[in-house]
Amino acid sequence: MADCIANIVSENILTPIIYLLEDNNIISLICFCDRNITMQEIYNVEILIEREVGKPTEIIDIREFSEFERLNVISRAKLIHTVNPMIEQVFMQSMTEDLKIAMEEKKSAIERHKMSGTCFLQ
C-alpha cells in the first residue's frame, strides 16, 4: 500500500520526500510540496489515493507545521518516498536547526520580558 501511495503522489506532485501517518480513519501524507502546486491538484491526488486504498486521505505540506510538530512528524511517521537517501538526512538536519532557532528566539523573548517587562523590542 505504501509503495502504491508513494507512486501516485510522486507522479503527480513534485516533492523530494513523503511521510505517511496512518490512523484508523484517515491517511495523512506529509510532503515538502512545490510552491507552484495548486490546492486543486492536491485534492485530485487525494481522491486518486482514496479510490485506491479505500480510506480518506489528506496531503499536507510540512511547512504548515510548527518546528516542534515537524520533528514530531518525522519521528512518528513512516518515510515512504525520498528522491535520494541523503535527502532524509538533510531534511532532518534542517528541521532540527529550525527548532533550535525557534528555541533561541523564545529564550531571547523571555530574557527581554524579564529585563523590560515586555517581549517586544522598544
PDB file of N, CA and C in Angstrom:
ATOM      1  N   MET A   1       0.820  -1.190   0.000  1.00  0.00           N
ATOM      2  CA  MET A   1       0.000   0.000   0.000  1.00  0.00           C
ATOM      3  C   MET A   1       0.867   1.258   0.000  1.00  0.00           C
ATOM      4  N   ALA A   2       1.906   1.276   0.822  1.00  0.00           N
ATOM      5  CA  ALA A   2       2.769   2.454   0.912  1.00  0.00           C
ATOM      6  C   ALA A   2       3.447   2.738  -0.424  1.00  0.00           C
ATOM      7  N   ASP A   3       3.883   1.698  -1.116  1.00  0.00           N
ATOM      8  CA  ASP A   3       4.513   1.890  -2.425  1.00  0.00           C
ATOM      9  C   ASP A   3       3.526   2.464  -3.432  1.00  0.00           C
ATOM     10  N   CYS A   4       2.307   1.952  -3.402  1.00  0.00           N
ATOM     11  CA  CYS A   4       1.261   2.444  -4.301  1.00  0.00           C
ATOM     12  C   CYS A   4       0.993   3.921  -4.042  1.00  0.00           C
ATOM     13  N   ILE A   5       0.861   4.287  -2.787  1.00  0.00           N
ATOM     14  CA  ILE A   5       0.617   5.684  -2.417  1.00  0.00           C
ATOM     15  C   ILE A   5       1.786   6.561  -2.847  1.00  0.00           C
ATOM     16  N   ALA A   6       3.007   6.107  -2.574  1.00  0.00           N
ATOM     17  CA  ALA A   6       4.195   6.883  -2.933  1.00  0.00           C
ATOM     18  C   ALA A   6       4.261   7.111  -4.443  1.00  0.00           C
ATOM     19  N   ASN A   7       3.913   6.085  -5.212  1.00  0.00           N
ATOM     20  CA  ASN A   7       3.926   6.224  -6.671  1.00  0.00           C
ATOM     21  C   ASN A   7       2.907   7.245  -7.140  1.00  0.00           C
ATOM     22  N   ILE A   8       1.698   7.181  -6.602  1.00  0.00           N
ATOM     23  CA  ILE A   8       0.657   8.131  -7.003  1.00  0.00           C
ATOM     24  C   ILE A   8       1.085   9.560  -6.688  1.00  0.00           C
ATOM     25  N   VAL A   9       1.584   9.777  -5.482  1.00  0.00           N
ATOM     26  CA  VAL A   9       1.979  11.134  -5.081  1.00  0.00           C
ATOM     27  C   VAL A   9       3.162  11.619  -5.904  1.00  0.00           C
ATOM     28  N   SER A  10       4.195  10.799  -6.016  1.00  0.00           N
ATOM     29  CA  SER A  10       5.402  11.252  -6.713  1.00  0.00           C
ATOM     30  C   SER A  10       5.179  11.461  -8.207  1.00  0.00           C
ATOM     31  N   GLU A  11       4.192  10.793  -8.792  1.00  0.00           N
ATOM     32  CA  GLU A  11       3.880  11.004 -10.209  1.00  0.00           C
ATOM     33  C   GLU A  11       3.078  12.279 -10.433  1.00  0.00           C
ATOM     34  N   ASN A  12       2.410  12.772  -9.405  1.00  0.00           N
ATOM     35  CA  ASN A  12       1.512  13.908  -9.559  1.00  0.00           C
ATOM     36  C   ASN A  12       1.919  15.173  -8.815  1.00  0.00           C
ATOM     37  N   ILE A  13       2.757  15.037  -7.811  1.00  0.00           N
ATOM     38  CA  ILE A  13       3.175  16.188  -7.006  1.00  0.00           C
ATOM     39  C   ILE A  13       4.701  16.177  -6.902  1.00  0.00           C
ATOM     40  N   LEU A  14       5.295  17.318  -7.215  1.00  0.00           N
ATOM     41  CA  LEU A  14       6.740  17.434  -7.106  1.00  0.00           C
ATOM     42  C   LEU A  14       7.111  17.587  -5.641  1.00  0.00           C
ATOM     43  N   THR A  15       7.695  16.532  -5.075  1.00  0.00           N
ATOM     44  CA  THR A  15       8.124  16.548  -3.680  1.00  0.00           C
ATOM     45  C   THR A  15       9.324  15.621  -3.526  1.00  0.00           C
ATOM     46  N   PRO A  16      10.345  16.035  -2.804  1.00  0.00           N
ATOM     47  CA  PRO A  16      11.517  15.167  -2.637  1.00  0.00           C
ATOM     48  C   PRO A  16      11.338  14.104  -1.551  1.00  0.00           C
ATOM     49  N   ILE A  17      10.281  14.251  -0.737  1.00  0.00           N
ATOM     50  CA  ILE A  17      10.141  13.352   0.410  1.00  0.00           C
ATOM     51  C   ILE A  17       8.660  13.223   0.773  1.00  0.00           C
ATOM     52  N   ILE A  18       8.254  12.009   1.179  1.00  0.00           N
ATOM     53  CA  ILE A  18       6.866  11.770   1.581  1.00  0.00           C
ATOM     54  C   ILE A  18       6.863  10.928   2.851  1.00  0.00           C
ATOM     55  N   TYR A  19       6.159  11.413   3.874  1.00  0.00           N
ATOM     56  CA  TYR A  19       5.962  10.674   5.115  1.00  0.00           C
ATOM     57  C   TYR A  19       4.505  10.237   5.192  1.00  0.00           C
ATOM     58  N   LEU A  20       4.270   9.082   5.797  1.00  0.00           N
ATOM     59  CA  LEU A  20       2.929   8.527   5.932  1.00  0.00           C
ATOM     60  C   LEU A  20       2.575   8.359   7.406  1.00  0.00           C
ATOM     61  N   LEU A  21       1.442   8.928   7.793  1.00  0.00           N
ATOM     62  CA  LEU A  21       0.861   8.693   9.112  1.00  0.00           C
ATOM     63  C   LEU A  21      -0.501   8.061   8.865  1.00  0.00           C
ATOM     64  N   GLU A  22      -0.695   6.864   9.401  1.00  0.00           N
ATOM     65  CA  GLU A  22      -1.953   6.170   9.176  1.00  0.00           C
ATOM     66  C   GLU A  22      -2.697   6.007  10.484  1.00  0.00           C
ATOM     67  N   ASP A  23      -3.923   6.477  10.493  1.00  0.00           N
ATOM     68  CA  ASP A  23      -4.826   6.342  11.618  1.00  0.00           C
ATOM     69  C   ASP A  23      -5.896   5.336  11.197  1.00  0.00           C
ATOM     70  N   ASN A  24      -6.730   4.931  12.123  1.00  0.00           N
ATOM     71  CA  ASN A  24      -7.802   4.003  11.779  1.00  0.00           C
ATOM     72  C   ASN A  24      -8.723   4.573  10.713  1.00  0.00           C
ATOM     73  N   ASN A  25      -8.913   5.883  10.725  1.00  0.00           N
ATOM     74  CA  ASN A  25      -9.896   6.507   9.856  1.00  0.00           C
ATOM     75  C   ASN A  25      -9.329   7.274   8.679  1.00  0.00           C
ATOM     76  N   ILE A  26      -8.069   7.651   8.732  1.00  0.00           N
ATOM     77  CA  ILE A  26      -7.530   8.549   7.708  1.00  0.00           C
ATOM     78  C   ILE A  26      -6.048   8.289   7.456  1.00  0.00           C
ATOM     79  N   ILE A  27      -5.634   8.576   6.238  1.00  0.00           N
ATOM     80  CA  ILE A  27      -4.225   8.504   5.863  1.00  0.00           C
ATOM     81  C   ILE A  27      -3.740   9.935   5.676  1.00  0.00           C
ATOM     82  N   SER A  28      -2.686  10.292   6.367  1.00  0.00           N
ATOM     83  CA  SER A  28      -2.080  11.612   6.216  1.00  0.00           C
ATOM     84  C   SER A  28      -0.731  11.449   5.538  1.00  0.00           C
ATOM     85  N   LEU A  29      -0.545  12.201   4.484  1.00  0.00           N
ATOM     86  CA  LEU A  29       0.726  12.207   3.770  1.00  0.00           C
ATOM     87  C   LEU A  29       1.346  13.578   3.955  1.00  0.00           C
ATOM     88  N   ILE A  30       2.533  13.596   4.517  1.00  0.00           N
ATOM     89  CA  ILE A  30       3.225  14.850   4.776  1.00  0.00           C
ATOM     90  C   ILE A  30       4.357  14.961   3.766  1.00  0.00           C
ATOM     91  N   CYS A  31       4.330  16.028   2.989  1.00  0.00           N
ATOM     92  CA  CYS A  31       5.288  16.229   1.908  1.00  0.00           C
ATOM     93  C   CYS A  31       5.939  17.604   2.041  1.00  0.00           C
ATOM     94  N   PHE A  32       6.942  17.796   1.261  1.00  0.00           N
ATOM     95  CA  PHE A  32       7.559  19.106   1.102  1.00  0.00           C
ATOM     96  C   PHE A  32       7.224  19.517  -0.328  1.00  0.00           C
ATOM     97  N   CYS A  33       6.041  20.090  -0.502  1.00  0.00           N
ATOM     98  CA  CYS A  33       5.466  20.325  -1.829  1.00  0.00           C
ATOM     99  C   CYS A  33       6.091  21.515  -2.541  1.00  0.00           C
ATOM    100  N   ASP A  34       6.087  21.421  -3.853  1.00  0.00           N
ATOM    101  CA  ASP A  34       6.465  22.532  -4.707  1.00  0.00           C
ATOM    102  C   ASP A  34       5.486  23.669  -4.467  1.00  0.00           C
ATOM    103  N   ARG A  35       5.964  24.883  -4.323  1.00  0.00           N
ATOM    104  CA  ARG A  35       5.097  26.028  -4.016  1.00  0.00           C
ATOM    105  C   ARG A  35       4.116  26.346  -5.153  1.00  0.00           C
ATOM    106  N   ASN A  36       4.413  25.875  -6.365  1.00  0.00           N
ATOM    107  CA  ASN A  36       3.558  26.176  -7.507  1.00  0.00           C
ATOM    108  C   ASN A  36       2.351  25.254  -7.616  1.00  0.00           C
ATOM    109  N   ILE A  37       2.291  24.237  -6.806  1.00  0.00           N
ATOM    110  CA  ILE A  37       1.181  23.296  -6.875  1.00  0.00           C
ATOM    111  C   ILE A  37      -0.088  23.947  -6.316  1.00  0.00           C
ATOM    112  N   THR A  38      -1.199  23.681  -6.974  1.00  0.00           N
ATOM    113  CA  THR A  38      -2.462  24.271  -6.528  1.00  0.00           C
ATOM    114  C   THR A  38      -3.182  23.322  -5.577  1.00  0.00           C
ATOM    115  N   MET A  39      -4.108  23.888  -4.830  1.00  0.00           N
ATOM    116  CA  MET A  39      -4.918  23.069  -3.924  1.00  0.00           C
ATOM    117  C   MET A  39      -5.763  22.076  -4.713  1.00  0.00           C
ATOM    118  N   GLN A  40      -6.187  22.460  -5.910  1.00  0.00           N
ATOM    119  CA  GLN A  40      -6.975  21.546  -6.740  1.00  0.00           C
ATOM    120  C   GLN A  40      -6.144  20.328  -7.138  1.00  0.00           C
ATOM    121  N   GLU A  41      -4.882  20.535  -7.474  1.00  0.00           N
ATOM    122  CA  GLU A  41      -4.010  19.415  -7.822  1.00  0.00           C
ATOM    123  C   GLU A  41      -3.831  18.480  -6.626  1.00  0.00           C
ATOM    124  N   ILE A  42      -3.650  19.053  -5.450  1.00  0.00           N
ATOM    125  CA  ILE A  42      -3.515  18.235  -4.241  1.00  0.00           C
ATOM    126  C   ILE A  42      -4.805  17.468  -3.990  1.00  0.00           C
ATOM    127  N   TYR A  43      -5.930  18.140  -4.116  1.00  0.00           N
ATOM    128  CA  TYR A  43      -7.224  17.496  -3.917  1.00  0.00           C
ATOM    129  C   TYR A  43      -7.415  16.328  -4.899  1.00  0.00           C
ATOM    130  N   ASN A  44      -7.033  16.524  -6.160  1.00  0.00           N
ATOM    131  CA  ASN A  44      -7.160  15.459  -7.163  1.00  0.00           C
ATOM    132  C   ASN A  44      -6.332  14.231  -6.792  1.00  0.00           C
ATOM    133  N   VAL A  45      -5.140  14.450  -6.275  1.00  0.00           N
ATOM    134  CA  VAL A  45      -4.283  13.334  -5.857  1.00  0.00           C
ATOM    135  C   VAL A  45      -4.878  12.640  -4.633  1.00  0.00           C
ATOM    136  N   GLU A  46      -5.425  13.415  -3.714  1.00  0.00           N
ATOM    137  CA  GLU A  46      -6.093  12.812  -2.550  1.00  0.00           C
ATOM    138  C   GLU A  46      -7.216  11.879  -2.997  1.00  0.00           C
ATOM    139  N   ILE A  47      -7.998  12.304  -3.978  1.00  0.00           N
ATOM    140  CA  ILE A  47      -9.097  11.483  -4.498  1.00  0.00           C
ATOM    141  C   ILE A  47      -8.557  10.204  -5.138  1.00  0.00           C
ATOM    142  N   LEU A  48      -7.478  10.308  -5.915  1.00  0.00           N
ATOM    143  CA  LEU A  48      -6.864   9.118  -6.528  1.00  0.00           C
ATOM    144  C   LEU A  48      -6.448   8.099  -5.467  1.00  0.00           C
ATOM    145  N   ILE A  49      -5.833   8.584  -4.414  1.00  0.00           N
ATOM    146  CA  ILE A  49      -5.366   7.692  -3.346  1.00  0.00           C
ATOM    147  C   ILE A  49      -6.555   7.095  -2.599  1.00  0.00           C
ATOM    148  N   GLU A  50      -7.552   7.903  -2.303  1.00  0.00           N
ATOM    149  CA  GLU A  50      -8.747   7.397  -1.615  1.00  0.00           C
ATOM    150  C   GLU A  50      -9.392   6.266  -2.399  1.00  0.00           C
ATOM    151  N   ARG A  51      -9.471   6.418  -3.713  1.00  0.00           N
ATOM    152  CA  ARG A  51     -10.049   5.364  -4.563  1.00  0.00           C
ATOM    153  C   ARG A  51      -9.206   4.090  -4.515  1.00  0.00           C
ATOM    154  N   GLU A  52      -7.909   4.273  -4.458  1.00  0.00           N
ATOM    155  CA  GLU A  52      -7.005   3.116  -4.478  1.00  0.00           C
ATOM    156  C   GLU A  52      -6.997   2.357  -3.159  1.00  0.00           C
ATOM    157  N   VAL A  53      -6.961   3.076  -2.041  1.00  0.00           N
ATOM    158  CA  VAL A  53      -6.816   2.423  -0.733  1.00  0.00           C
ATOM    159  C   VAL A  53      -8.100   2.348   0.078  1.00  0.00           C
ATOM    160  N   GLY A  54      -9.117   3.069  -0.341  1.00  0.00           N
ATOM    161  CA  GLY A  54     -10.397   2.999   0.351  1.00  0.00           C
ATOM    162  C   GLY A  54     -10.466   3.738   1.676  1.00  0.00           C
ATOM    163  N   LYS A  55      -9.567   4.668   1.893  1.00  0.00           N
ATOM    164  CA  LYS A  55      -9.576   5.476   3.122  1.00  0.00           C
ATOM    165  C   LYS A  55      -9.459   6.949   2.757  1.00  0.00           C
ATOM    166  N   PRO A  56     -10.104   7.805   3.537  1.00  0.00           N
ATOM    167  CA  PRO A  56      -9.911   9.242   3.323  1.00  0.00           C
ATOM    168  C   PRO A  56      -8.430   9.595   3.469  1.00  0.00           C
ATOM    169  N   THR A  57      -7.992  10.482   2.601  1.00  0.00           N
ATOM    170  CA  THR A  57      -6.578  10.834   2.557  1.00  0.00           C
ATOM    171  C   THR A  57      -6.416  12.348   2.561  1.00  0.00           C
ATOM    172  N   GLU A  58      -5.399  12.809   3.294  1.00  0.00           N
ATOM    173  CA  GLU A  58      -5.067  14.229   3.259  1.00  0.00           C
ATOM    174  C   GLU A  58      -3.583  14.372   2.973  1.00  0.00           C
ATOM    175  N   ILE A  59      -3.274  15.321   2.121  1.00  0.00           N
ATOM    176  CA  ILE A  59      -1.875  15.631   1.801  1.00  0.00           C
ATOM    177  C   ILE A  59      -1.583  16.990   2.414  1.00  0.00           C
ATOM    178  N   ILE A  60      -0.540  17.048   3.235  1.00  0.00           N
ATOM    179  CA  ILE A  60      -0.208  18.252   3.981  1.00  0.00           C
ATOM    180  C   ILE A  60       1.249  18.635   3.696  1.00  0.00           C
ATOM    181  N   ASP A  61       1.464  19.901   3.434  1.00  0.00           N
ATOM    182  CA  ASP A  61       2.826  20.402   3.273  1.00  0.00           C
ATOM    183  C   ASP A  61       3.424  20.553   4.664  1.00  0.00           C
ATOM    184  N   ILE A  62       4.604  20.043   4.867  1.00  0.00           N
ATOM    185  CA  ILE A  62       5.226  20.057   6.198  1.00  0.00           C
ATOM    186  C   ILE A  62       5.467  21.481   6.688  1.00  0.00           C
ATOM    187  N   ARG A  63       5.511  22.435   5.791  1.00  0.00           N
ATOM    188  CA  ARG A  63       5.724  23.829   6.197  1.00  0.00           C
ATOM    189  C   ARG A  63       4.525  24.406   6.945  1.00  0.00           C
ATOM    190  N   GLU A  64       3.393  23.686   6.918  1.00  0.00           N
ATOM    191  CA  GLU A  64       2.215  24.130   7.662  1.00  0.00           C
ATOM    192  C   GLU A  64       2.333  23.812   9.155  1.00  0.00           C
ATOM    193  N   PHE A  65       3.301  22.997   9.531  1.00  0.00           N
ATOM    194  CA  PHE A  65       3.503  22.604  10.918  1.00  0.00           C
ATOM    195  C   PHE A  65       4.513  23.529  11.593  1.00  0.00           C
ATOM    196  N   SER A  66       4.429  23.626  12.911  1.00  0.00           N
ATOM    197  CA  SER A  66       5.447  24.368  13.668  1.00  0.00           C
ATOM    198  C   SER A  66       6.730  23.546  13.695  1.00  0.00           C
ATOM    199  N   GLU A  67       7.784  24.154  14.178  1.00  0.00           N
ATOM    200  CA  GLU A  67       9.075  23.468  14.229  1.00  0.00           C
ATOM    201  C   GLU A  67       8.997  22.197  15.074  1.00  0.00           C
ATOM    202  N   PHE A  68       8.355  22.299  16.231  1.00  0.00           N
ATOM    203  CA  PHE A  68       8.230  21.134  17.109  1.00  0.00           C
ATOM    204  C   PHE A  68       7.382  20.047  16.448  1.00  0.00           C
ATOM    205  N   GLU A  69       6.281  20.445  15.819  1.00  0.00           N
ATOM    206  CA  GLU A  69       5.410  19.473  15.154  1.00  0.00           C
ATOM    207  C   GLU A  69       6.128  18.767  14.012  1.00  0.00           C
ATOM    208  N   ARG A  70       6.983  19.484  13.303  1.00  0.00           N
ATOM    209  CA  ARG A  70       7.749  18.867  12.199  1.00  0.00           C
ATOM    210  C   ARG A  70       8.618  17.728  12.717  1.00  0.00           C
ATOM    211  N   LEU A  71       9.320  17.981  13.811  1.00  0.00           N
ATOM    212  CA  LEU A  71      10.159  16.913  14.378  1.00  0.00           C
ATOM    213  C   LEU A  71       9.304  15.754  14.862  1.00  0.00           C
ATOM    214  N   ASN A  72       8.151  16.045  15.412  1.00  0.00           N
ATOM    215  CA  ASN A  72       7.230  15.009  15.847  1.00  0.00           C
ATOM    216  C   ASN A  72       6.769  14.163  14.651  1.00  0.00           C
ATOM    217  N   VAL A  73       6.445  14.809  13.542  1.00  0.00           N
ATOM    218  CA  VAL A  73       6.040  14.092  12.329  1.00  0.00           C
ATOM    219  C   VAL A  73       7.166  13.188  11.847  1.00  0.00           C
ATOM    220  N   ILE A  74       8.352  13.743  11.768  1.00  0.00           N
ATOM    221  CA  ILE A  74       9.493  12.967  11.274  1.00  0.00           C
ATOM    222  C   ILE A  74       9.772  11.757  12.159  1.00  0.00           C
ATOM    223  N   SER A  75       9.603  11.910  13.467  1.00  0.00           N
ATOM    224  CA  SER A  75       9.893  10.793  14.374  1.00  0.00           C
ATOM    225  C   SER A  75       8.777   9.756  14.398  1.00  0.00           C
ATOM    226  N   ARG A  76       7.517  10.164  14.168  1.00  0.00           N
ATOM    227  CA  ARG A  76       6.385   9.239  14.242  1.00  0.00           C
ATOM    228  C   ARG A  76       5.987   8.643  12.895  1.00  0.00           C
ATOM    229  N   ALA A  77       6.164   9.398  11.829  1.00  0.00           N
ATOM    230  CA  ALA A  77       5.675   8.982  10.524  1.00  0.00           C
ATOM    231  C   ALA A  77       6.648   8.020   9.841  1.00  0.00           C
ATOM    232  N   LYS A  78       6.101   7.282   8.908  1.00  0.00           N
ATOM    233  CA  LYS A  78       6.897   6.343   8.119  1.00  0.00           C
ATOM    234  C   LYS A  78       7.328   7.031   6.829  1.00  0.00           C
ATOM    235  N   LEU A  79       8.613   7.008   6.552  1.00  0.00           N
ATOM    236  CA  LEU A  79       9.132   7.555   5.304  1.00  0.00           C
ATOM    237  C   LEU A  79       8.790   6.565   4.191  1.00  0.00           C
ATOM    238  N   ILE A  80       8.005   7.001   3.201  1.00  0.00           N
ATOM    239  CA  ILE A  80       7.629   6.079   2.126  1.00  0.00           C
ATOM    240  C   ILE A  80       8.250   6.449   0.784  1.00  0.00           C
ATOM    241  N   HIS A  81       8.827   7.642   0.696  1.00  0.00           N
ATOM    242  CA  HIS A  81       9.471   8.041  -0.567  1.00  0.00           C
ATOM    243  C   HIS A  81      10.506   9.116  -0.295  1.00  0.00           C
ATOM    244  N   THR A  82      11.629   8.959  -0.937  1.00  0.00           N
ATOM    245  CA  THR A  82      12.634  10.014  -0.962  1.00  0.00           C
ATOM    246  C   THR A  82      13.363   9.933  -2.293  1.00  0.00           C
ATOM    247  N   VAL A  83      13.659  11.081  -2.859  1.00  0.00           N
ATOM    248  CA  VAL A  83      14.350  11.127  -4.140  1.00  0.00           C
ATOM    249  C   VAL A  83      15.748  10.529  -4.003  1.00  0.00           C
ATOM    250  N   ASN A  84      16.367  10.790  -2.858  1.00  0.00           N
ATOM    251  CA  ASN A  84      17.721  10.333  -2.589  1.00  0.00           C
ATOM    252  C   ASN A  84      17.829  10.091  -1.088  1.00  0.00           C
ATOM    253  N   PRO A  85      18.481   9.005  -0.654  1.00  0.00           N
ATOM    254  CA  PRO A  85      18.590   8.747   0.793  1.00  0.00           C
ATOM    255  C   PRO A  85      19.216   9.898   1.585  1.00  0.00           C
ATOM    256  N   MET A  86      20.069  10.669   0.959  1.00  0.00           N
ATOM    257  CA  MET A  86      20.682  11.810   1.649  1.00  0.00           C
ATOM    258  C   MET A  86      19.660  12.906   1.934  1.00  0.00           C
ATOM    259  N   ILE A  87      18.604  12.961   1.130  1.00  0.00           N
ATOM    260  CA  ILE A  87      17.571  13.978   1.320  1.00  0.00           C
ATOM    261  C   ILE A  87      16.965  13.871   2.714  1.00  0.00           C
ATOM    262  N   GLU A  88      16.706  12.644   3.173  1.00  0.00           N
ATOM    263  CA  GLU A  88      16.119  12.465   4.500  1.00  0.00           C
ATOM    264  C   GLU A  88      17.022  13.042   5.576  1.00  0.00           C
ATOM    265  N   GLN A  89      18.317  12.772   5.471  1.00  0.00           N
ATOM    266  CA  GLN A  89      19.255  13.284   6.469  1.00  0.00           C
ATOM    267  C   GLN A  89      19.325  14.810   6.448  1.00  0.00           C
ATOM    268  N   VAL A  90      19.378  15.386   5.261  1.00  0.00           N
ATOM    269  CA  VAL A  90      19.427  16.845   5.132  1.00  0.00           C
ATOM    270  C   VAL A  90      18.134  17.450   5.660  1.00  0.00           C
ATOM    271  N   PHE A  91      17.026  16.816   5.346  1.00  0.00           N
ATOM    272  CA  PHE A  91      15.719  17.288   5.792  1.00  0.00           C
ATOM    273  C   PHE A  91      15.635  17.263   7.314  1.00  0.00           C
ATOM    274  N   MET A  92      16.050  16.170   7.936  1.00  0.00           N
ATOM    275  CA  MET A  92      16.029  16.060   9.395  1.00  0.00           C
ATOM    276  C   MET A  92      16.934  17.104  10.032  1.00  0.00           C
ATOM    277  N   GLN A  93      18.107  17.300   9.462  1.00  0.00           N
ATOM    278  CA  GLN A  93      19.039  18.291   9.994  1.00  0.00           C
ATOM    279  C   GLN A  93      18.442  19.695   9.893  1.00  0.00           C
ATOM    280  N   SER A  94      17.787  19.985   8.788  1.00  0.00           N
ATOM    281  CA  SER A  94      17.160  21.287   8.601  1.00  0.00           C
ATOM    282  C   SER A  94      16.038  21.513   9.618  1.00  0.00           C
ATOM    283  N   MET A  95      15.226  20.480   9.853  1.00  0.00           N
ATOM    284  CA  MET A  95      14.128  20.597  10.820  1.00  0.00           C
ATOM    285  C   MET A  95      14.672  20.801  12.239  1.00  0.00           C
ATOM    286  N   THR A  96      15.760  20.128  12.564  1.00  0.00           N
ATOM    287  CA  THR A  96      16.390  20.276  13.873  1.00  0.00           C
ATOM    288  C   THR A  96      16.940  21.689  14.042  1.00  0.00           C
ATOM    289  N   GLU A  97      17.542  22.210  12.986  1.00  0.00           N
ATOM    290  CA  GLU A  97      18.089  23.567  13.032  1.00  0.00           C
ATOM    291  C   GLU A  97      16.965  24.597  13.187  1.00  0.00           C
ATOM    292  N   ASP A  98      15.840  24.382  12.492  1.00  0.00           N
ATOM    293  CA  ASP A  98      14.688  25.285  12.634  1.00  0.00           C
ATOM    294  C   ASP A  98      14.185  25.312  14.075  1.00  0.00           C
ATOM    295  N   LEU A  99      14.117  24.139  14.709  1.00  0.00           N
ATOM    296  CA  LEU A  99      13.671  24.075  16.098  1.00  0.00           C
ATOM    297  C   LEU A  99      14.652  24.800  17.014  1.00  0.00           C
ATOM    298  N   LYS A 100      15.929  24.632  16.756  1.00  0.00           N
ATOM    299  CA  LYS A 100      16.959  25.299  17.566  1.00  0.00           C
ATOM    300  C   LYS A 100      16.816  26.820  17.465  1.00  0.00           C
ATOM    301  N   ILE A 101      16.586  27.328  16.271  1.00  0.00           N
ATOM    302  CA  ILE A 101      16.405  28.768  16.071  1.00  0.00           C
ATOM    303  C   ILE A 101      15.159  29.261  16.803  1.00  0.00           C
ATOM    304  N   ALA A 102      14.077  28.508  16.712  1.00  0.00           N
ATOM    305  CA  ALA A 102      12.836  28.886  17.396  1.00  0.00           C
ATOM    306  C   ALA A 102      13.036  28.919  18.906  1.00  0.00           C
ATOM    307  N   MET A 103      13.775  27.955  19.435  1.00  0.00           N
ATOM    308  CA  MET A 103      14.035  27.915  20.873  1.00  0.00           C
ATOM    309  C   MET A 103      14.890  29.102  21.303  1.00  0.00           C
ATOM    310  N   GLU A 104      15.866  29.500  20.486  1.00  0.00           N
ATOM    311  CA  GLU A 104      16.696  30.662  20.794  1.00  0.00           C
ATOM    312  C   GLU A 104      15.869  31.944  20.775  1.00  0.00           C
ATOM    313  N   GLU A 105      14.944  32.059  19.822  1.00  0.00           N
ATOM    314  CA  GLU A 105      14.071  33.228  19.765  1.00  0.00           C
ATOM    315  C   GLU A 105      13.172  33.296  20.995  1.00  0.00           C
ATOM    316  N   LYS A 106      12.676  32.156  21.413  1.00  0.00           N
ATOM    317  CA  LYS A 106      11.825  32.107  22.601  1.00  0.00           C
ATOM    318  C   LYS A 106      12.628  32.533  23.836  1.00  0.00           C
ATOM    319  N   LYS A 107      13.834  32.001  23.946  1.00  0.00           N
ATOM    320  CA  LYS A 107      14.697  32.343  25.082  1.00  0.00           C
ATOM    321  C   LYS A 107      14.999  33.844  25.096  1.00  0.00           C
ATOM    322  N   SER A 108      15.247  34.405  23.927  1.00  0.00           N
ATOM    323  CA  SER A 108      15.529  35.835  23.827  1.00  0.00           C
ATOM    324  C   SER A 108      14.318  36.659  24.253  1.00  0.00           C
ATOM    325  N   ALA A 109      13.122  36.240  23.847  1.00  0.00           N
ATOM    326  CA  ALA A 109      11.893  36.960  24.231  1.00  0.00           C
ATOM    327  C   ALA A 109      11.673  36.883  25.731  1.00  0.00           C
ATOM    328  N   ILE A 110      11.940  35.752  26.331  1.00  0.00           N
ATOM    329  CA  ILE A 110      11.793  35.594  27.784  1.00  0.00           C
ATOM    330  C   ILE A 110      12.775  36.506  28.516  1.00  0.00           C
ATOM    331  N   GLU A 111      14.006  36.552  28.025  1.00  0.00           N
ATOM    332  CA  GLU A 111      15.013  37.422  28.650  1.00  0.00           C
ATOM    333  C   GLU A 111      14.632  38.892  28.520  1.00  0.00           C
ATOM    334  N   ARG A 112      14.114  39.306  27.347  1.00  0.00           N
ATOM    335  CA  ARG A 112      13.658  40.689  27.162  1.00  0.00           C
ATOM    336  C   ARG A 112      12.530  41.018  28.123  1.00  0.00           C
ATOM    337  N   HIS A 113      11.626  40.047  28.298  1.00  0.00           N
ATOM    338  CA  HIS A 113      10.489  40.260  29.199  1.00  0.00           C
ATOM    339  C   HIS A 113      10.969  40.451  30.635  1.00  0.00           C
ATOM    340  N   LYS A 114      11.953  39.656  31.049  1.00  0.00           N
ATOM    341  CA  LYS A 114      12.495  39.779  32.405  1.00  0.00           C
ATOM    342  C   LYS A 114      13.161  41.131  32.608  1.00  0.00           C
ATOM    343  N   MET A 115      13.856  41.606  31.579  1.00  0.00           N
ATOM    344  CA  MET A 115      14.601  42.860  31.701  1.00  0.00           C
ATOM    345  C   MET A 115      13.724  44.099  31.571  1.00  0.00           C
ATOM    346  N   SER A 116      12.741  44.031  30.660  1.00  0.00           N
ATOM    347  CA  SER A 116      11.991  45.255  30.354  1.00  0.00           C
ATOM    348  C   SER A 116      10.505  45.190  30.670  1.00  0.00           C
ATOM    349  N   GLY A 117      10.018  44.013  31.006  1.00  0.00           N
ATOM    350  CA  GLY A 117       8.594  43.868  31.285  1.00  0.00           C
ATOM    351  C   GLY A 117       7.757  43.660  30.047  1.00  0.00           C
ATOM    352  N   THR A 118       8.380  43.575  28.874  1.00  0.00           N
ATOM    353  CA  THR A 118       7.673  43.309  27.624  1.00  0.00           C
ATOM    354  C   THR A 118       8.501  42.411  26.735  1.00  0.00           C
ATOM    355  N   CYS A 119       7.832  41.632  25.916  1.00  0.00           N
ATOM    356  CA  CYS A 119       8.534  40.743  24.975  1.00  0.00           C
ATOM    357  C   CYS A 119       8.946  41.479  23.716  1.00  0.00           C
ATOM    358  N   PHE A 120       8.392  42.658  23.513  1.00  0.00           N
ATOM    359  CA  PHE A 120       8.628  43.401  22.281  1.00  0.00           C
ATOM    360  C   PHE A 120       9.835  44.304  22.400  1.00  0.00           C
ATOM    361  N   LEU A 121      10.509  44.491  21.283  1.00  0.00           N
ATOM    362  CA  LEU A 121      11.630  45.425  21.252  1.00  0.00           C
ATOM    363  C   LEU A 121      11.086  46.844  21.327  1.00  0.00           C
ATOM    364  N   GLN A 122      11.801  47.681  22.038  1.00  0.00           N
ATOM    365  CA  GLN A 122      11.339  49.072  22.163  1.00  0.00           C
ATOM    366  C   GLN A 122      12.292  50.017  21.494  1.00  0.00           C
TER     367      GLN A 122
END
